[in-house]
Every structure is written in C-alpha cells, then in structure tokens.
C-alpha cells in the first residue's frame, strides 16, 4: 500500500536508494521484455517501461521521433521518486540511452529517454 511504501522509502538514505535501484534497474527490465516481447529494442523497452511504471500510479507517455517522455504520478514520497529515477537511470546507463529527469517531487517524476 502507499502508506507502507512511504514509510519504507522515507527511512532510506540516498546511498541505499541508489544501491537498490542499480540492482533492480539493471536486471528486471531485460527479463520483462524477453518474457513479453520477441526482441529487445528501444521501442519495446519504452512500452515495457510504460506498462511497468503504471503499477505505481498514473503514467503519461509522449513520443516525438526517438524521444520518449514518461511522467509518473504516484503520490508516495520524494525518496520513492528518487528510487524510480535511479532505477531508470541504471537501466539507461547499461543500454547507453540518454536519460534525464525533467522534474521530481514527492508526488511525481518526469523523465526523458532518447534513443542512442
């Protein structure tokens, strides 16, 4: 539940958030894509991120050529937003995808992904 996640993430420091996110971001998305799609490519990755992120709240995606903007309204905490950002950053670093956090606060995170 949101109150439980809020308590867990509020108890974490930035280093713990980054360490957990690096582990999760580098492994889980690959597995989900190979289970749900035939090939691992940028388009399938963005579709998987959209579906995966929807379990955290409301997700808005916008595509313009090879740039994807994904906004997640979760209403949990700023540390949870940091976790989501670090998770996506770890994935993008592993795949050489340009990633930028456009906005972050206690209720939402807005991210931009650019195809390499």
C-alpha atoms as a PDB file:
ATOM      1  CA  UNK A   1       0.000   0.000   0.000  1.00  0.00           C
ATOM      2  CA  UNK A   2       1.068   3.612  -0.434  1.00  0.00           C
ATOM      3  CA  UNK A   3       1.379   4.294   3.324  1.00  0.00           C
ATOM      4  CA  UNK A   4       3.663   1.255   3.678  1.00  0.00           C
ATOM      5  CA  UNK A   5       5.850   2.291   0.741  1.00  0.00           C
ATOM      6  CA  UNK A   6       6.002   5.826   2.120  1.00  0.00           C
ATOM      7  CA  UNK A   7       7.315   4.547   5.477  1.00  0.00           C
ATOM      8  CA  UNK A   8       9.863   2.242   3.848  1.00  0.00           C
ATOM      9  CA  UNK A   9      11.251   4.824   1.434  1.00  0.00           C
ATOM     10  CA  UNK A  10      11.267   7.659   3.956  1.00  0.00           C
ATOM     11  CA  UNK A  11      13.502   5.504   6.180  1.00  0.00           C
ATOM     12  CA  UNK A  12      16.104   5.080   3.400  1.00  0.00           C
ATOM     13  CA  UNK A  13      19.069   7.343   2.796  1.00  0.00           C
ATOM     14  CA  UNK A  14      20.173   8.347  -0.701  1.00  0.00           C
ATOM     15  CA  UNK A  15      23.008   5.791  -0.838  1.00  0.00           C
ATOM     16  CA  UNK A  16      20.641   2.899  -0.045  1.00  0.00           C
ATOM     17  CA  UNK A  17      18.142   4.104  -2.654  1.00  0.00           C
ATOM     18  CA  UNK A  18      20.853   4.292  -5.333  1.00  0.00           C
ATOM     19  CA  UNK A  19      22.292   0.861  -4.467  1.00  0.00           C
ATOM     20  CA  UNK A  20      18.928  -0.892  -4.603  1.00  0.00           C
ATOM     21  CA  UNK A  21      17.923   0.956  -7.787  1.00  0.00           C
ATOM     22  CA  UNK A  22      21.145  -0.048  -9.568  1.00  0.00           C
ATOM     23  CA  UNK A  23      20.416  -3.699  -8.841  1.00  0.00           C
ATOM     24  CA  UNK A  24      16.786  -3.557  -9.916  1.00  0.00           C
ATOM     25  CA  UNK A  25      17.261  -1.273 -12.926  1.00  0.00           C
ATOM     26  CA  UNK A  26      19.969  -3.393 -14.456  1.00  0.00           C
ATOM     27  CA  UNK A  27      18.150  -6.731 -14.366  1.00  0.00           C
ATOM     28  CA  UNK A  28      14.353  -6.645 -14.114  1.00  0.00           C
ATOM     29  CA  UNK A  29      13.511  -4.720 -17.341  1.00  0.00           C
ATOM     30  CA  UNK A  30      15.510  -7.133 -19.500  1.00  0.00           C
ATOM     31  CA  UNK A  31      13.668 -10.094 -18.064  1.00  0.00           C
ATOM     32  CA  UNK A  32      10.267  -8.460 -18.532  1.00  0.00           C
ATOM     33  CA  UNK A  33      10.975  -7.605 -22.175  1.00  0.00           C
ATOM     34  CA  UNK A  34      12.145 -11.103 -23.042  1.00  0.00           C
ATOM     35  CA  UNK A  35       9.061 -12.574 -21.357  1.00  0.00           C
ATOM     36  CA  UNK A  36       6.598 -10.273 -23.127  1.00  0.00           C
ATOM     37  CA  UNK A  37       8.193  -9.340 -26.465  1.00  0.00           C
ATOM     38  CA  UNK A  38      10.110 -11.170 -29.164  1.00  0.00           C
ATOM     39  CA  UNK A  39      13.038  -8.760 -29.374  1.00  0.00           C
ATOM     40  CA  UNK A  40      14.852  -6.349 -27.124  1.00  0.00           C
ATOM     41  CA  UNK A  41      14.833  -2.935 -28.796  1.00  0.00           C
ATOM     42  CA  UNK A  42      14.247   0.698 -27.839  1.00  0.00           C
ATOM     43  CA  UNK A  43      10.564   0.714 -28.781  1.00  0.00           C
ATOM     44  CA  UNK A  44       9.812  -2.462 -26.803  1.00  0.00           C
ATOM     45  CA  UNK A  45      11.791  -1.079 -23.880  1.00  0.00           C
ATOM     46  CA  UNK A  46       9.685   2.083 -23.782  1.00  0.00           C
ATOM     47  CA  UNK A  47       6.468   0.038 -23.983  1.00  0.00           C
ATOM     48  CA  UNK A  48       7.654  -2.152 -21.117  1.00  0.00           C
ATOM     49  CA  UNK A  49       8.599   0.879 -19.012  1.00  0.00           C
ATOM     50  CA  UNK A  50       5.158   2.374 -19.576  1.00  0.00           C
ATOM     51  CA  UNK A  51       3.395  -0.839 -18.541  1.00  0.00           C
ATOM     52  CA  UNK A  52       5.732  -1.498 -15.625  1.00  0.00           C
ATOM     53  CA  UNK A  53       5.501   2.058 -14.286  1.00  0.00           C
ATOM     54  CA  UNK A  54       1.701   2.021 -14.402  1.00  0.00           C
ATOM     55  CA  UNK A  55       1.646  -0.143 -11.269  1.00  0.00           C
ATOM     56  CA  UNK A  56       2.976   2.844  -9.298  1.00  0.00           C
ATOM     57  CA  UNK A  57       0.212   5.257 -10.295  1.00  0.00           C
ATOM     58  CA  UNK A  58      -0.913   7.266 -13.280  1.00  0.00           C
ATOM     59  CA  UNK A  59       1.512   7.275 -16.217  1.00  0.00           C
ATOM     60  CA  UNK A  60       1.594   9.676 -19.139  1.00  0.00           C
ATOM     61  CA  UNK A  61       3.814   8.902 -22.121  1.00  0.00           C
ATOM     62  CA  UNK A  62       4.595  11.077 -25.092  1.00  0.00           C
ATOM     63  CA  UNK A  63       6.734  10.112 -28.070  1.00  0.00           C
ATOM     64  CA  UNK A  64       8.357  12.502 -30.518  1.00  0.00           C
ATOM     65  CA  UNK A  65      10.531  10.594 -33.007  1.00  0.00           C
ATOM     66  CA  UNK A  66      13.163   8.900 -30.841  1.00  0.00           C
ATOM     67  CA  UNK A  67      12.469  10.874 -27.667  1.00  0.00           C
ATOM     68  CA  UNK A  68      10.072   9.484 -25.059  1.00  0.00           C
ATOM     69  CA  UNK A  69       8.766  11.467 -22.117  1.00  0.00           C
ATOM     70  CA  UNK A  70       7.315   9.442 -19.261  1.00  0.00           C
ATOM     71  CA  UNK A  71       5.617  11.090 -16.294  1.00  0.00           C
ATOM     72  CA  UNK A  72       4.571   9.053 -13.256  1.00  0.00           C
ATOM     73  CA  UNK A  73       2.140  10.458 -10.714  1.00  0.00           C
ATOM     74  CA  UNK A  74       2.470   8.119  -7.707  1.00  0.00           C
ATOM     75  CA  UNK A  75       1.760  10.200  -4.583  1.00  0.00           C
ATOM     76  CA  UNK A  76       4.147   8.243  -2.335  1.00  0.00           C
ATOM     77  CA  UNK A  77       7.247  10.270  -1.406  1.00  0.00           C
ATOM     78  CA  UNK A  78      10.239  12.131  -2.811  1.00  0.00           C
ATOM     79  CA  UNK A  79      12.505   9.203  -1.915  1.00  0.00           C
ATOM     80  CA  UNK A  80      10.257   6.953  -3.989  1.00  0.00           C
ATOM     81  CA  UNK A  81      10.595   9.406  -6.882  1.00  0.00           C
ATOM     82  CA  UNK A  82      14.382   9.240  -6.431  1.00  0.00           C
ATOM     83  CA  UNK A  83      14.213   5.444  -6.466  1.00  0.00           C
ATOM     84  CA  UNK A  84      12.229   5.425  -9.717  1.00  0.00           C
ATOM     85  CA  UNK A  85      14.658   7.909 -11.249  1.00  0.00           C
ATOM     86  CA  UNK A  86      17.723   5.933 -10.178  1.00  0.00           C
ATOM     87  CA  UNK A  87      16.172   2.675 -11.399  1.00  0.00           C
ATOM     88  CA  UNK A  88      15.551   4.128 -14.845  1.00  0.00           C
ATOM     89  CA  UNK A  89      18.982   5.781 -14.852  1.00  0.00           C
ATOM     90  CA  UNK A  90      20.699   2.455 -14.107  1.00  0.00           C
ATOM     91  CA  UNK A  91      18.848   0.810 -16.978  1.00  0.00           C
ATOM     92  CA  UNK A  92      19.684   3.636 -19.377  1.00  0.00           C
ATOM     93  CA  UNK A  93      23.355   3.652 -18.387  1.00  0.00           C
ATOM     94  CA  UNK A  94      23.557  -0.058 -19.084  1.00  0.00           C
ATOM     95  CA  UNK A  95      21.975   0.390 -22.533  1.00  0.00           C
ATOM     96  CA  UNK A  96      23.663   3.710 -23.476  1.00  0.00           C
ATOM     97  CA  UNK A  97      20.320   5.523 -23.617  1.00  0.00           C
ATOM     98  CA  UNK A  98      20.388   9.251 -22.905  1.00  0.00           C
ATOM     99  CA  UNK A  99      18.281   9.842 -19.784  1.00  0.00           C
ATOM    100  CA  UNK A 100      17.262  12.989 -17.992  1.00  0.00           C
ATOM    101  CA  UNK A 101      14.998  13.733 -15.043  1.00  0.00           C
ATOM    102  CA  UNK A 102      12.889  16.725 -16.061  1.00  0.00           C
ATOM    103  CA  UNK A 103      11.033  17.109 -12.733  1.00  0.00           C
ATOM    104  CA  UNK A 104      10.987  15.314  -9.393  1.00  0.00           C
ATOM    105  CA  UNK A 105       8.972  15.863  -6.212  1.00  0.00           C
ATOM    106  CA  UNK A 106       7.098  13.922  -3.515  1.00  0.00           C
ATOM    107  CA  UNK A 107       4.210  13.050  -5.834  1.00  0.00           C
ATOM    108  CA  UNK A 108       5.711  12.543  -9.273  1.00  0.00           C
ATOM    109  CA  UNK A 109       8.693  12.147 -11.529  1.00  0.00           C
ATOM    110  CA  UNK A 110       9.010  13.273 -15.155  1.00  0.00           C
ATOM    111  CA  UNK A 111      11.707  11.601 -17.269  1.00  0.00           C
ATOM    112  CA  UNK A 112      13.053  11.873 -20.808  1.00  0.00           C
ATOM    113  CA  UNK A 113      14.615   8.993 -22.755  1.00  0.00           C
ATOM    114  CA  UNK A 114      16.446   9.418 -26.066  1.00  0.00           C
ATOM    115  CA  UNK A 115      17.298   6.575 -28.407  1.00  0.00           C
ATOM    116  CA  UNK A 116      21.069   6.223 -28.838  1.00  0.00           C
END
